[in-house]
Amino acid sequence: MTTLDTLARSSAGAIHHSVAYVPVRPTSITGAVAKLAFWTFGRYIMAGAVAGIILVGALFIVGPNDANVTGDSTPPTTAVTPTTVATAIPETDLSEANLPEPNVIVPTTVVDPVDHNAAPVVPPAALAPETTTTSVALDVEPPLLKIDSPNDGDRFETAVLRFSGRTEVGASVLASGKFAATVASDGSWYIDLVLAPGANGVVFAASDVAGNKTAASVTVFFDEPKTVETTTTTSTTVVTWEFTANQKYGSCELPVPYDIFSGKTKPGANVTVSSPYGNGTATANADGAWSVKVEFPTAPFNVPFVVSATDYKGTTKTFEFVNLYSG
């Protein structure tokens, strides 16, 4: 046997002797059990007291449900849609754990909330706007058209002449069917036209916004500037006048047909107008202007003939005339 085996045996024997011979008093065991039972019972008492305090505090804070307490036992006639969906308790389960708490109404039928859209607002028929029918009078009246300047039969020695007048507000004015006049906001109008030598008959037409039209005409004469020849013999100046003649109409539809002839010549000189069916004579004024109205009472219907105008020197101008009166 080794030294280590000897030491192990002596140690084991010492331990066995110490355990076997430790005395245990019965009073010590009883006291330990009593202390354990006291603390266990005390914990249950404390837990029950705390639970009771919590329950009383909850009832005091929440209080009874006023919305569900009523003095009338008659159930409400209108359906109440609960904001919180409650789950119905099965009738067969009547255990105390599944019973609802006091003051809580459990609906027998679960009503799902429905999103009700508001109906559109429709105004009553009495407030609907009334429809009115306005009758517009049809404009069939021709527009106003006046020629203020120049006057019919005026004579001019300038080639460019301004015509002016008045018309309906908003209307347009044309000269000879293609030259537009300038029309102001008040209906006054004007246009500058270039005259040809002799008689110039200009027809104006006014049209309003409704399409109605009015016509007016004027005849003016453009006398070409006279040719002046001067010869100097001491202090004498000799003026030579050029003979001009113009015809105004060229035809006539009246029972007694006529025409007007005019022009320029030497002041004081005579001009003779002649034809197979009528004659006339005119004397030039101080400016050399002359004019004469000649009738043709025997002129045949629709047969053109020649009319001659002759000055004091024998210079002749010829024109054509036709009678349009059928009689």
C-alpha atoms as a PDB file:
ATOM      1  CA  MET A   1       0.000   0.000   0.000  1.00  0.00           C
ATOM      2  CA  THR A   2       1.402   3.382  -0.962  1.00  0.00           C
ATOM      3  CA  THR A   3       1.509   6.528   1.043  1.00  0.00           C
ATOM      4  CA  LEU A   4      -1.292   8.036  -1.080  1.00  0.00           C
ATOM      5  CA  ASP A   5      -3.592   5.067  -0.359  1.00  0.00           C
ATOM      6  CA  THR A   6      -2.964   5.468   3.343  1.00  0.00           C
ATOM      7  CA  LEU A   7      -3.850   9.165   3.269  1.00  0.00           C
ATOM      8  CA  ALA A   8      -7.080   8.506   1.315  1.00  0.00           C
ATOM      9  CA  ARG A   9      -8.308   5.955   3.753  1.00  0.00           C
ATOM     10  CA  SER A  10      -7.633   8.197   6.741  1.00  0.00           C
ATOM     11  CA  SER A  11      -9.458  11.112   5.096  1.00  0.00           C
ATOM     12  CA  ALA A  12     -12.552   9.005   4.248  1.00  0.00           C
ATOM     13  CA  GLY A  13     -12.729   7.745   7.781  1.00  0.00           C
ATOM     14  CA  ALA A  14     -12.539  11.240   9.174  1.00  0.00           C
ATOM     15  CA  ILE A  15     -15.388  12.471   6.960  1.00  0.00           C
ATOM     16  CA  HIS A  16     -17.676   9.547   7.890  1.00  0.00           C
ATOM     17  CA  HIS A  17     -17.062  10.141  11.557  1.00  0.00           C
ATOM     18  CA  SER A  18     -17.909  13.843  11.304  1.00  0.00           C
ATOM     19  CA  VAL A  19     -21.267  13.208   9.553  1.00  0.00           C
ATOM     20  CA  ALA A  20     -22.343  10.312  11.626  1.00  0.00           C
ATOM     21  CA  TYR A  21     -21.801  12.025  14.875  1.00  0.00           C
ATOM     22  CA  VAL A  22     -23.267  15.550  14.204  1.00  0.00           C
ATOM     23  CA  PRO A  23     -26.265  15.819  16.526  1.00  0.00           C
ATOM     24  CA  VAL A  24     -29.588  17.224  14.972  1.00  0.00           C
ATOM     25  CA  ARG A  25     -32.107  18.633  17.441  1.00  0.00           C
ATOM     26  CA  PRO A  26     -35.793  18.076  16.699  1.00  0.00           C
ATOM     27  CA  THR A  27     -36.678  21.651  17.631  1.00  0.00           C
ATOM     28  CA  SER A  28     -34.589  23.020  14.785  1.00  0.00           C
ATOM     29  CA  ILE A  29     -36.600  21.137  12.085  1.00  0.00           C
ATOM     30  CA  THR A  30     -39.955  22.246  13.544  1.00  0.00           C
ATOM     31  CA  GLY A  31     -38.923  25.861  13.611  1.00  0.00           C
ATOM     32  CA  ALA A  32     -37.796  25.824   9.978  1.00  0.00           C
ATOM     33  CA  VAL A  33     -41.101  24.351   8.789  1.00  0.00           C
ATOM     34  CA  ALA A  34     -43.073  26.938  10.774  1.00  0.00           C
ATOM     35  CA  LYS A  35     -41.102  29.798   9.255  1.00  0.00           C
ATOM     36  CA  LEU A  36     -41.660  28.472   5.711  1.00  0.00           C
ATOM     37  CA  ALA A  37     -45.434  28.175   6.224  1.00  0.00           C
ATOM     38  CA  PHE A  38     -45.668  31.689   7.700  1.00  0.00           C
ATOM     39  CA  TRP A  39     -43.946  33.366   4.759  1.00  0.00           C
ATOM     40  CA  THR A  40     -45.980  31.432   2.169  1.00  0.00           C
ATOM     41  CA  PHE A  41     -49.303  32.402   3.783  1.00  0.00           C
ATOM     42  CA  GLY A  42     -48.163  35.999   4.079  1.00  0.00           C
ATOM     43  CA  ARG A  43     -47.440  36.221   0.347  1.00  0.00           C
ATOM     44  CA  TYR A  44     -50.975  35.039  -0.531  1.00  0.00           C
ATOM     45  CA  ILE A  45     -52.511  37.611   1.827  1.00  0.00           C
ATOM     46  CA  MET A  46     -50.447  40.406   0.275  1.00  0.00           C
ATOM     47  CA  ALA A  47     -51.330  39.354  -3.299  1.00  0.00           C
ATOM     48  CA  GLY A  48     -55.083  39.314  -2.486  1.00  0.00           C
ATOM     49  CA  ALA A  49     -54.918  42.749  -0.875  1.00  0.00           C
ATOM     50  CA  VAL A  50     -53.136  44.268  -3.859  1.00  0.00           C
ATOM     51  CA  ALA A  51     -55.694  42.741  -6.278  1.00  0.00           C
ATOM     52  CA  GLY A  52     -58.590  44.149  -4.251  1.00  0.00           C
ATOM     53  CA  ILE A  53     -57.082  47.628  -4.204  1.00  0.00           C
ATOM     54  CA  ILE A  54     -56.566  47.558  -7.993  1.00  0.00           C
ATOM     55  CA  LEU A  55     -60.208  46.448  -8.624  1.00  0.00           C
ATOM     56  CA  VAL A  56     -61.674  49.161  -6.382  1.00  0.00           C
ATOM     57  CA  GLY A  57     -59.524  51.816  -8.068  1.00  0.00           C
ATOM     58  CA  ALA A  58     -60.567  50.673 -11.553  1.00  0.00           C
ATOM     59  CA  LEU A  59     -64.310  50.811 -10.656  1.00  0.00           C
ATOM     60  CA  PHE A  60     -63.924  54.248  -9.145  1.00  0.00           C
ATOM     61  CA  ILE A  61     -62.128  55.649 -12.211  1.00  0.00           C
ATOM     62  CA  VAL A  62     -64.294  54.027 -14.917  1.00  0.00           C
ATOM     63  CA  GLY A  63     -67.673  54.319 -13.187  1.00  0.00           C
ATOM     64  CA  PRO A  64     -70.977  53.048 -14.571  1.00  0.00           C
ATOM     65  CA  ASN A  65     -71.685  53.210 -18.330  1.00  0.00           C
ATOM     66  CA  ASP A  66     -74.226  56.084 -18.539  1.00  0.00           C
ATOM     67  CA  ALA A  67     -74.875  55.377 -22.183  1.00  0.00           C
ATOM     68  CA  ASN A  68     -76.291  51.965 -21.295  1.00  0.00           C
ATOM     69  CA  VAL A  69     -78.292  52.965 -18.175  1.00  0.00           C
ATOM     70  CA  THR A  70     -81.843  54.118 -18.799  1.00  0.00           C
ATOM     71  CA  GLY A  71     -85.007  54.336 -16.757  1.00  0.00           C
ATOM     72  CA  ASP A  72     -87.115  53.074 -19.616  1.00  0.00           C
ATOM     73  CA  SER A  73     -86.999  49.332 -20.120  1.00  0.00           C
ATOM     74  CA  THR A  74     -88.386  49.673 -23.642  1.00  0.00           C
ATOM     75  CA  PRO A  75     -85.664  48.827 -26.165  1.00  0.00           C
ATOM     76  CA  PRO A  76     -84.740  51.669 -28.585  1.00  0.00           C
ATOM     77  CA  THR A  77     -86.617  51.697 -31.875  1.00  0.00           C
ATOM     78  CA  THR A  78     -83.592  52.700 -33.909  1.00  0.00           C
ATOM     79  CA  ALA A  79     -80.676  50.389 -34.533  1.00  0.00           C
ATOM     80  CA  VAL A  80     -77.506  51.235 -32.653  1.00  0.00           C
ATOM     81  CA  THR A  81     -74.342  50.756 -34.620  1.00  0.00           C
ATOM     82  CA  PRO A  82     -71.563  50.004 -32.125  1.00  0.00           C
ATOM     83  CA  THR A  83     -68.248  51.616 -32.780  1.00  0.00           C
ATOM     84  CA  THR A  84     -66.521  48.421 -31.590  1.00  0.00           C
ATOM     85  CA  VAL A  85     -67.695  45.054 -32.881  1.00  0.00           C
ATOM     86  CA  ALA A  86     -68.391  42.703 -29.929  1.00  0.00           C
ATOM     87  CA  THR A  87     -68.164  38.957 -30.313  1.00  0.00           C
ATOM     88  CA  ALA A  88     -71.354  37.089 -29.336  1.00  0.00           C
ATOM     89  CA  ILE A  89     -70.902  34.543 -26.523  1.00  0.00           C
ATOM     90  CA  PRO A  90     -72.108  31.080 -27.429  1.00  0.00           C
ATOM     91  CA  GLU A  91     -75.331  30.164 -25.567  1.00  0.00           C
ATOM     92  CA  THR A  92     -73.988  26.756 -24.506  1.00  0.00           C
ATOM     93  CA  ASP A  93     -70.956  28.267 -22.733  1.00  0.00           C
ATOM     94  CA  LEU A  94     -72.323  29.623 -19.385  1.00  0.00           C
ATOM     95  CA  SER A  95     -69.171  29.270 -17.371  1.00  0.00           C
ATOM     96  CA  GLU A  96     -68.308  32.122 -15.055  1.00  0.00           C
ATOM     97  CA  ALA A  97     -65.066  32.809 -16.876  1.00  0.00           C
ATOM     98  CA  ASN A  98     -66.969  33.616 -20.145  1.00  0.00           C
ATOM     99  CA  LEU A  99     -69.719  35.817 -18.677  1.00  0.00           C
ATOM    100  CA  PRO A 100     -69.533  39.542 -19.640  1.00  0.00           C
ATOM    101  CA  GLU A 101     -68.667  42.073 -17.022  1.00  0.00           C
ATOM    102  CA  PRO A 102     -71.476  44.132 -15.446  1.00  0.00           C
ATOM    103  CA  ASN A 103     -72.799  47.253 -17.261  1.00  0.00           C
ATOM    104  CA  VAL A 104     -71.650  45.898 -20.646  1.00  0.00           C
ATOM    105  CA  ILE A 105     -74.345  45.391 -23.286  1.00  0.00           C
ATOM    106  CA  VAL A 106     -73.579  42.580 -25.661  1.00  0.00           C
ATOM    107  CA  PRO A 107     -75.559  43.012 -28.909  1.00  0.00           C
ATOM    108  CA  THR A 108     -77.372  39.946 -30.104  1.00  0.00           C
ATOM    109  CA  THR A 109     -76.762  40.942 -33.735  1.00  0.00           C
ATOM    110  CA  VAL A 110     -73.505  42.327 -35.063  1.00  0.00           C
ATOM    111  CA  VAL A 111     -74.112  45.287 -37.404  1.00  0.00           C
ATOM    112  CA  ASP A 112     -71.175  46.145 -39.621  1.00  0.00           C
ATOM    113  CA  PRO A 113     -70.555  49.862 -40.107  1.00  0.00           C
ATOM    114  CA  VAL A 114     -71.752  51.037 -43.528  1.00  0.00           C
ATOM    115  CA  ASP A 115     -70.229  53.971 -45.337  1.00  0.00           C
ATOM    116  CA  HIS A 116     -73.264  55.991 -46.404  1.00  0.00           C
ATOM    117  CA  ASN A 117     -72.410  58.482 -49.122  1.00  0.00           C
ATOM    118  CA  ALA A 118     -74.301  61.756 -49.012  1.00  0.00           C
ATOM    119  CA  ALA A 119     -76.999  62.096 -51.665  1.00  0.00           C
ATOM    120  CA  PRO A 120     -76.344  64.817 -54.305  1.00  0.00           C
ATOM    121  CA  VAL A 121     -78.097  68.100 -53.651  1.00  0.00           C
ATOM    122  CA  VAL A 122     -80.615  68.845 -56.408  1.00  0.00           C
ATOM    123  CA  PRO A 123     -82.248  72.309 -56.496  1.00  0.00           C
ATOM    124  CA  PRO A 124     -86.054  72.269 -56.554  1.00  0.00           C
ATOM    125  CA  ALA A 125     -87.767  72.925 -59.845  1.00  0.00           C
ATOM    126  CA  ALA A 126     -89.070  76.233 -58.531  1.00  0.00           C
ATOM    127  CA  LEU A 127     -85.485  77.520 -58.158  1.00  0.00           C
ATOM    128  CA  ALA A 128     -84.324  76.420 -61.603  1.00  0.00           C
ATOM    129  CA  PRO A 129     -83.409  79.378 -63.868  1.00  0.00           C
ATOM    130  CA  GLU A 130     -86.159  80.361 -66.218  1.00  0.00           C
ATOM    131  CA  THR A 131     -85.412  80.252 -69.911  1.00  0.00           C
ATOM    132  CA  THR A 132     -86.474  83.264 -71.886  1.00  0.00           C
ATOM    133  CA  THR A 133     -86.710  83.622 -75.628  1.00  0.00           C
ATOM    134  CA  THR A 134     -85.746  86.962 -77.097  1.00  0.00           C
ATOM    135  CA  SER A 135     -86.931  87.721 -80.574  1.00  0.00           C
ATOM    136  CA  VAL A 136     -84.503  89.737 -82.689  1.00  0.00           C
ATOM    137  CA  ALA A 137     -85.994  91.930 -85.382  1.00  0.00           C
ATOM    138  CA  LEU A 138     -84.524  91.286 -88.820  1.00  0.00           C
ATOM    139  CA  ASP A 139     -82.739  94.321 -90.239  1.00  0.00           C
ATOM    140  CA  VAL A 140     -84.050  94.909 -93.753  1.00  0.00           C
ATOM    141  CA  GLU A 141     -83.697  98.700 -93.901  1.00  0.00           C
ATOM    142  CA  PRO A 142     -81.048 100.005 -96.329  1.00  0.00           C
ATOM    143  CA  PRO A 143     -78.317 102.111 -94.729  1.00  0.00           C
ATOM    144  CA  LEU A 144     -78.084 105.875 -95.020  1.00  0.00           C
ATOM    145  CA  LEU A 145     -75.759 107.164 -97.765  1.00  0.00           C
ATOM    146  CA  LYS A 146     -75.148 110.877 -98.391  1.00  0.00           C
ATOM    147  CA  ILE A 147     -72.595 112.563-100.653  1.00  0.00           C
ATOM    148  CA  ASP A 148     -71.744 115.910 -99.069  1.00  0.00           C
ATOM    149  CA  SER A 149     -68.905 116.892-101.394  1.00  0.00           C
ATOM    150  CA  PRO A 150     -68.523 117.551-104.263  1.00  0.00           C
ATOM    151  CA  ASN A 151     -71.857 118.618-105.701  1.00  0.00           C
ATOM    152  CA  ASP A 152     -73.238 117.088-108.837  1.00  0.00           C
ATOM    153  CA  GLY A 153     -71.929 118.955-111.925  1.00  0.00           C
ATOM    154  CA  ASP A 154     -68.969 120.642-110.189  1.00  0.00           C
ATOM    155  CA  ARG A 155     -65.910 121.324-112.334  1.00  0.00           C
ATOM    156  CA  PHE A 156     -62.281 120.977-111.273  1.00  0.00           C
ATOM    157  CA  GLU A 157     -58.865 121.537-112.802  1.00  0.00           C
ATOM    158  CA  THR A 158     -57.046 119.151-110.480  1.00  0.00           C
ATOM    159  CA  ALA A 159     -56.868 115.445-111.237  1.00  0.00           C
ATOM    160  CA  VAL A 160     -57.129 114.240-107.609  1.00  0.00           C
ATOM    161  CA  LEU A 161     -60.425 115.011-105.880  1.00  0.00           C
ATOM    162  CA  ARG A 162     -61.690 114.129-102.397  1.00  0.00           C
ATOM    163  CA  PHE A 163     -65.242 112.785-102.094  1.00  0.00           C
ATOM    164  CA  SER A 164     -66.895 112.757 -98.665  1.00  0.00           C
ATOM    165  CA  GLY A 165     -70.250 112.066 -97.048  1.00  0.00           C
ATOM    166  CA  ARG A 166     -72.147 110.223 -94.321  1.00  0.00           C
ATOM    167  CA  THR A 167     -73.468 106.693 -93.849  1.00  0.00           C
ATOM    168  CA  GLU A 168     -74.844 104.383 -91.173  1.00  0.00           C
ATOM    169  CA  VAL A 169     -72.531 103.627 -88.255  1.00  0.00           C
ATOM    170  CA  GLY A 170     -70.737 100.343 -88.929  1.00  0.00           C
ATOM    171  CA  ALA A 171     -71.457 100.367 -92.681  1.00  0.00           C
ATOM    172  CA  SER A 172     -68.808 100.216 -95.408  1.00  0.00           C
ATOM    173  CA  VAL A 173     -68.618 102.386 -98.540  1.00  0.00           C
ATOM    174  CA  LEU A 174     -67.218 101.454-101.946  1.00  0.00           C
ATOM    175  CA  ALA A 175     -66.578 103.779-104.886  1.00  0.00           C
ATOM    176  CA  SER A 176     -67.141 102.361-108.380  1.00  0.00           C
ATOM    177  CA  GLY A 177     -67.514  98.905-106.801  1.00  0.00           C
ATOM    178  CA  LYS A 178     -63.829  98.428-105.922  1.00  0.00           C
ATOM    179  CA  PHE A 179     -62.347 101.414-104.065  1.00  0.00           C
ATOM    180  CA  ALA A 180     -62.997 101.342-100.315  1.00  0.00           C
ATOM    181  CA  ALA A 181     -63.659 104.640 -98.577  1.00  0.00           C
ATOM    182  CA  THR A 182     -62.401 105.410 -95.070  1.00  0.00           C
ATOM    183  CA  VAL A 183     -65.376 105.288 -92.659  1.00  0.00           C
ATOM    184  CA  ALA A 184     -65.081 106.860 -89.181  1.00  0.00           C
ATOM    185  CA  SER A 185     -66.817 105.608 -86.028  1.00  0.00           C
ATOM    186  CA  ASP A 186     -69.573 108.237 -86.431  1.00  0.00           C
ATOM    187  CA  GLY A 187     -70.401 107.115 -89.998  1.00  0.00           C
ATOM    188  CA  SER A 188     -68.596 109.934 -91.836  1.00  0.00           C
ATOM    189  CA  TRP A 189     -66.542 108.781 -94.822  1.00  0.00           C
ATOM    190  CA  TYR A 190     -64.112 110.092 -97.434  1.00  0.00           C
ATOM    191  CA  ILE A 191     -62.053 108.847-100.380  1.00  0.00           C
ATOM    192  CA  ASP A 192     -59.622 110.482-102.838  1.00  0.00           C
ATOM    193  CA  LEU A 193     -60.136 109.557-106.494  1.00  0.00           C
ATOM    194  CA  VAL A 194     -58.165 110.374-109.647  1.00  0.00           C
ATOM    195  CA  LEU A 195     -60.331 112.017-112.306  1.00  0.00           C
ATOM    196  CA  ALA A 196     -60.101 111.496-116.025  1.00  0.00           C
ATOM    197  CA  PRO A 197     -60.390 114.477-118.350  1.00  0.00           C
ATOM    198  CA  GLY A 198     -64.023 115.382-118.957  1.00  0.00           C
ATOM    199  CA  ALA A 199     -67.053 114.013-117.099  1.00  0.00           C
ATOM    200  CA  ASN A 200     -66.513 111.565-114.250  1.00  0.00           C
ATOM    201  CA  GLY A 201     -69.567 109.714-112.978  1.00  0.00           C
ATOM    202  CA  VAL A 202     -68.824 107.985-109.646  1.00  0.00           C
ATOM    203  CA  VAL A 203     -71.237 105.504-108.074  1.00  0.00           C
ATOM    204  CA  PHE A 204     -70.971 104.911-104.317  1.00  0.00           C
ATOM    205  CA  ALA A 205     -72.485 101.894-102.525  1.00  0.00           C
ATOM    206  CA  ALA A 206     -72.967 101.559 -98.751  1.00  0.00           C
ATOM    207  CA  SER A 207     -73.433  98.117 -97.114  1.00  0.00           C
ATOM    208  CA  ASP A 208     -74.495  97.595 -93.489  1.00  0.00           C
ATOM    209  CA  VAL A 209     -73.712  94.587 -91.281  1.00  0.00           C
ATOM    210  CA  ALA A 210     -77.014  92.928 -92.255  1.00  0.00           C
ATOM    211  CA  GLY A 211     -76.099  93.024 -95.952  1.00  0.00           C
ATOM    212  CA  ASN A 212     -78.490  95.827 -96.917  1.00  0.00           C
ATOM    213  CA  LYS A 213     -77.166  98.199 -99.581  1.00  0.00           C
ATOM    214  CA  THR A 214     -77.773 101.779-100.746  1.00  0.00           C
ATOM    215  CA  ALA A 215     -76.351 103.448-103.876  1.00  0.00           C
ATOM    216  CA  ALA A 216     -75.756 107.116-104.711  1.00  0.00           C
ATOM    217  CA  SER A 217     -73.902 108.792-107.558  1.00  0.00           C
ATOM    218  CA  VAL A 218     -72.350 112.124-108.460  1.00  0.00           C
ATOM    219  CA  THR A 219     -70.863 113.485-111.684  1.00  0.00           C
ATOM    220  CA  VAL A 220     -67.987 115.955-111.723  1.00  0.00           C
ATOM    221  CA  PHE A 221     -65.868 117.386-114.524  1.00  0.00           C
ATOM    222  CA  PHE A 222     -62.144 117.507-114.789  1.00  0.00           C
ATOM    223  CA  ASP A 223     -61.044 120.340-117.030  1.00  0.00           C
ATOM    224  CA  GLU A 224     -57.476 119.884-118.081  1.00  0.00           C
ATOM    225  CA  PRO A 225     -55.297 122.907-117.339  1.00  0.00           C
ATOM    226  CA  LYS A 226     -55.470 125.510-120.088  1.00  0.00           C
ATOM    227  CA  THR A 227     -52.506 125.981-122.348  1.00  0.00           C
ATOM    228  CA  VAL A 228     -51.170 129.508-122.207  1.00  0.00           C
ATOM    229  CA  GLU A 229     -49.025 130.859-124.995  1.00  0.00           C
ATOM    230  CA  THR A 230     -47.331 134.171-124.365  1.00  0.00           C
ATOM    231  CA  THR A 231     -45.574 136.425-126.823  1.00  0.00           C
ATOM    232  CA  THR A 232     -43.742 139.500-125.688  1.00  0.00           C
ATOM    233  CA  THR A 233     -44.230 142.592-127.820  1.00  0.00           C
ATOM    234  CA  THR A 234     -43.261 145.463-125.649  1.00  0.00           C
ATOM    235  CA  SER A 235     -45.650 144.907-122.688  1.00  0.00           C
ATOM    236  CA  THR A 236     -48.521 142.945-124.316  1.00  0.00           C
ATOM    237  CA  THR A 237     -49.328 139.365-123.255  1.00  0.00           C
ATOM    238  CA  VAL A 238     -51.541 137.203-125.493  1.00  0.00           C
ATOM    239  CA  VAL A 239     -53.382 134.272-123.848  1.00  0.00           C
ATOM    240  CA  THR A 240     -54.648 131.366-125.973  1.00  0.00           C
ATOM    241  CA  TRP A 241     -57.454 129.176-124.491  1.00  0.00           C
ATOM    242  CA  GLU A 242     -57.861 125.482-125.282  1.00  0.00           C
ATOM    243  CA  PHE A 243     -61.379 124.284-126.129  1.00  0.00           C
ATOM    244  CA  THR A 244     -62.717 121.350-124.091  1.00  0.00           C
ATOM    245  CA  ALA A 245     -66.129 119.660-124.180  1.00  0.00           C
ATOM    246  CA  ASN A 246     -67.669 116.898-122.047  1.00  0.00           C
ATOM    247  CA  GLN A 247     -70.888 114.828-122.143  1.00  0.00           C
ATOM    248  CA  LYS A 248     -72.686 113.931-118.853  1.00  0.00           C
ATOM    249  CA  TYR A 249     -75.008 110.983-119.623  1.00  0.00           C
ATOM    250  CA  GLY A 250     -74.837 109.565-123.162  1.00  0.00           C
ATOM    251  CA  SER A 251     -78.354 108.122-122.885  1.00  0.00           C
ATOM    252  CA  CYS A 252     -81.751 108.908-121.349  1.00  0.00           C
ATOM    253  CA  GLU A 253     -84.926 106.962-120.457  1.00  0.00           C
ATOM    254  CA  LEU A 254     -87.279 109.964-120.050  1.00  0.00           C
ATOM    255  CA  PRO A 255     -90.127 110.718-122.462  1.00  0.00           C
ATOM    256  CA  VAL A 256     -88.190 113.824-123.610  1.00  0.00           C
ATOM    257  CA  PRO A 257     -84.581 112.615-123.672  1.00  0.00           C
ATOM    258  CA  TYR A 258     -81.778 115.093-122.983  1.00  0.00           C
ATOM    259  CA  ASP A 259     -78.099 115.400-122.179  1.00  0.00           C
ATOM    260  CA  ILE A 260     -75.812 118.038-120.645  1.00  0.00           C
ATOM    261  CA  PHE A 261     -72.652 119.241-122.363  1.00  0.00           C
ATOM    262  CA  SER A 262     -69.979 121.433-120.792  1.00  0.00           C
ATOM    263  CA  GLY A 263     -66.347 122.441-121.001  1.00  0.00           C
ATOM    264  CA  LYS A 264     -63.884 125.338-121.231  1.00  0.00           C
ATOM    265  CA  THR A 265     -63.126 127.905-123.929  1.00  0.00           C
ATOM    266  CA  LYS A 266     -62.233 131.568-124.303  1.00  0.00           C
ATOM    267  CA  PRO A 267     -64.211 133.709-121.846  1.00  0.00           C
ATOM    268  CA  GLY A 268     -67.262 135.198-123.530  1.00  0.00           C
ATOM    269  CA  ALA A 269     -67.034 132.907-126.562  1.00  0.00           C
ATOM    270  CA  ASN A 270     -69.996 130.875-127.816  1.00  0.00           C
ATOM    271  CA  VAL A 271     -70.175 127.110-128.121  1.00  0.00           C
ATOM    272  CA  THR A 272     -72.773 125.405-130.315  1.00  0.00           C
ATOM    273  CA  VAL A 273     -74.120 121.888-129.706  1.00  0.00           C
ATOM    274  CA  SER A 274     -75.944 120.308-132.645  1.00  0.00           C
ATOM    275  CA  SER A 275     -77.494 116.978-133.690  1.00  0.00           C
ATOM    276  CA  PRO A 276     -80.153 115.641-136.086  1.00  0.00           C
ATOM    277  CA  TYR A 277     -82.747 115.705-133.275  1.00  0.00           C
ATOM    278  CA  GLY A 278     -81.833 118.736-131.097  1.00  0.00           C
ATOM    279  CA  ASN A 279     -79.480 121.749-130.745  1.00  0.00           C
ATOM    280  CA  GLY A 280     -78.233 124.199-128.086  1.00  0.00           C
ATOM    281  CA  THR A 281     -75.883 127.151-127.536  1.00  0.00           C
ATOM    282  CA  ALA A 282     -73.794 128.243-124.535  1.00  0.00           C
ATOM    283  CA  THR A 283     -71.612 131.270-123.725  1.00  0.00           C
ATOM    284  CA  ALA A 284     -68.436 130.888-121.693  1.00  0.00           C
ATOM    285  CA  ASN A 285     -68.224 132.865-118.428  1.00  0.00           C
ATOM    286  CA  ALA A 286     -65.320 134.942-117.159  1.00  0.00           C
ATOM    287  CA  ASP A 287     -63.380 131.789-116.298  1.00  0.00           C
ATOM    288  CA  GLY A 288     -64.081 130.265-119.715  1.00  0.00           C
ATOM    289  CA  ALA A 289     -66.508 127.608-118.430  1.00  0.00           C
ATOM    290  CA  TRP A 290     -69.591 126.819-120.448  1.00  0.00           C
ATOM    291  CA  SER A 291     -72.548 124.376-120.067  1.00  0.00           C
ATOM    292  CA  VAL A 292     -75.780 123.705-121.922  1.00  0.00           C
ATOM    293  CA  LYS A 293     -78.699 121.265-121.671  1.00  0.00           C
ATOM    294  CA  VAL A 294     -79.836 119.913-125.060  1.00  0.00           C
ATOM    295  CA  GLU A 295     -83.125 118.033-125.594  1.00  0.00           C
ATOM    296  CA  PHE A 296     -83.771 115.470-128.339  1.00  0.00           C
ATOM    297  CA  PRO A 297     -87.597 115.176-128.505  1.00  0.00           C
ATOM    298  CA  THR A 298     -87.698 113.446-131.899  1.00  0.00           C
ATOM    299  CA  ALA A 299     -84.837 111.021-131.328  1.00  0.00           C
ATOM    300  CA  PRO A 300     -85.784 107.407-132.345  1.00  0.00           C
ATOM    301  CA  PHE A 301     -85.848 104.681-129.713  1.00  0.00           C
ATOM    302  CA  ASN A 302     -82.585 102.830-129.194  1.00  0.00           C
ATOM    303  CA  VAL A 303     -80.842 104.292-132.255  1.00  0.00           C
ATOM    304  CA  PRO A 304     -77.490 105.957-131.471  1.00  0.00           C
ATOM    305  CA  PHE A 305     -76.662 109.270-133.172  1.00  0.00           C
ATOM    306  CA  VAL A 306     -73.832 111.825-133.109  1.00  0.00           C
ATOM    307  CA  VAL A 307     -73.883 115.129-131.189  1.00  0.00           C
ATOM    308  CA  SER A 308     -71.241 117.801-131.993  1.00  0.00           C
ATOM    309  CA  ALA A 309     -69.924 120.684-129.831  1.00  0.00           C
ATOM    310  CA  THR A 310     -68.113 123.483-131.734  1.00  0.00           C
ATOM    311  CA  ASP A 311     -66.245 126.516-130.330  1.00  0.00           C
ATOM    312  CA  TYR A 312     -65.724 129.984-131.743  1.00  0.00           C
ATOM    313  CA  LYS A 313     -62.668 128.862-133.728  1.00  0.00           C
ATOM    314  CA  GLY A 314     -64.512 125.938-135.324  1.00  0.00           C
ATOM    315  CA  THR A 315     -62.900 123.267-133.163  1.00  0.00           C
ATOM    316  CA  THR A 316     -65.371 120.384-132.823  1.00  0.00           C
ATOM    317  CA  LYS A 317     -65.814 117.626-130.266  1.00  0.00           C
ATOM    318  CA  THR A 318     -68.211 114.741-131.072  1.00  0.00           C
ATOM    319  CA  PHE A 319     -70.253 112.468-128.795  1.00  0.00           C
ATOM    320  CA  GLU A 320     -72.774 109.645-129.163  1.00  0.00           C
ATOM    321  CA  PHE A 321     -76.291 109.655-127.654  1.00  0.00           C
ATOM    322  CA  VAL A 322     -79.111 107.086-127.603  1.00  0.00           C
ATOM    323  CA  ASN A 323     -82.781 107.477-126.615  1.00  0.00           C
ATOM    324  CA  LEU A 324     -83.883 104.622-124.260  1.00  0.00           C
ATOM    325  CA  TYR A 325     -87.501 105.707-123.885  1.00  0.00           C
ATOM    326  CA  SER A 326     -89.685 103.208-125.847  1.00  0.00           C
ATOM    327  CA  GLY A 327     -92.850 105.330-125.514  1.00  0.00           C
END
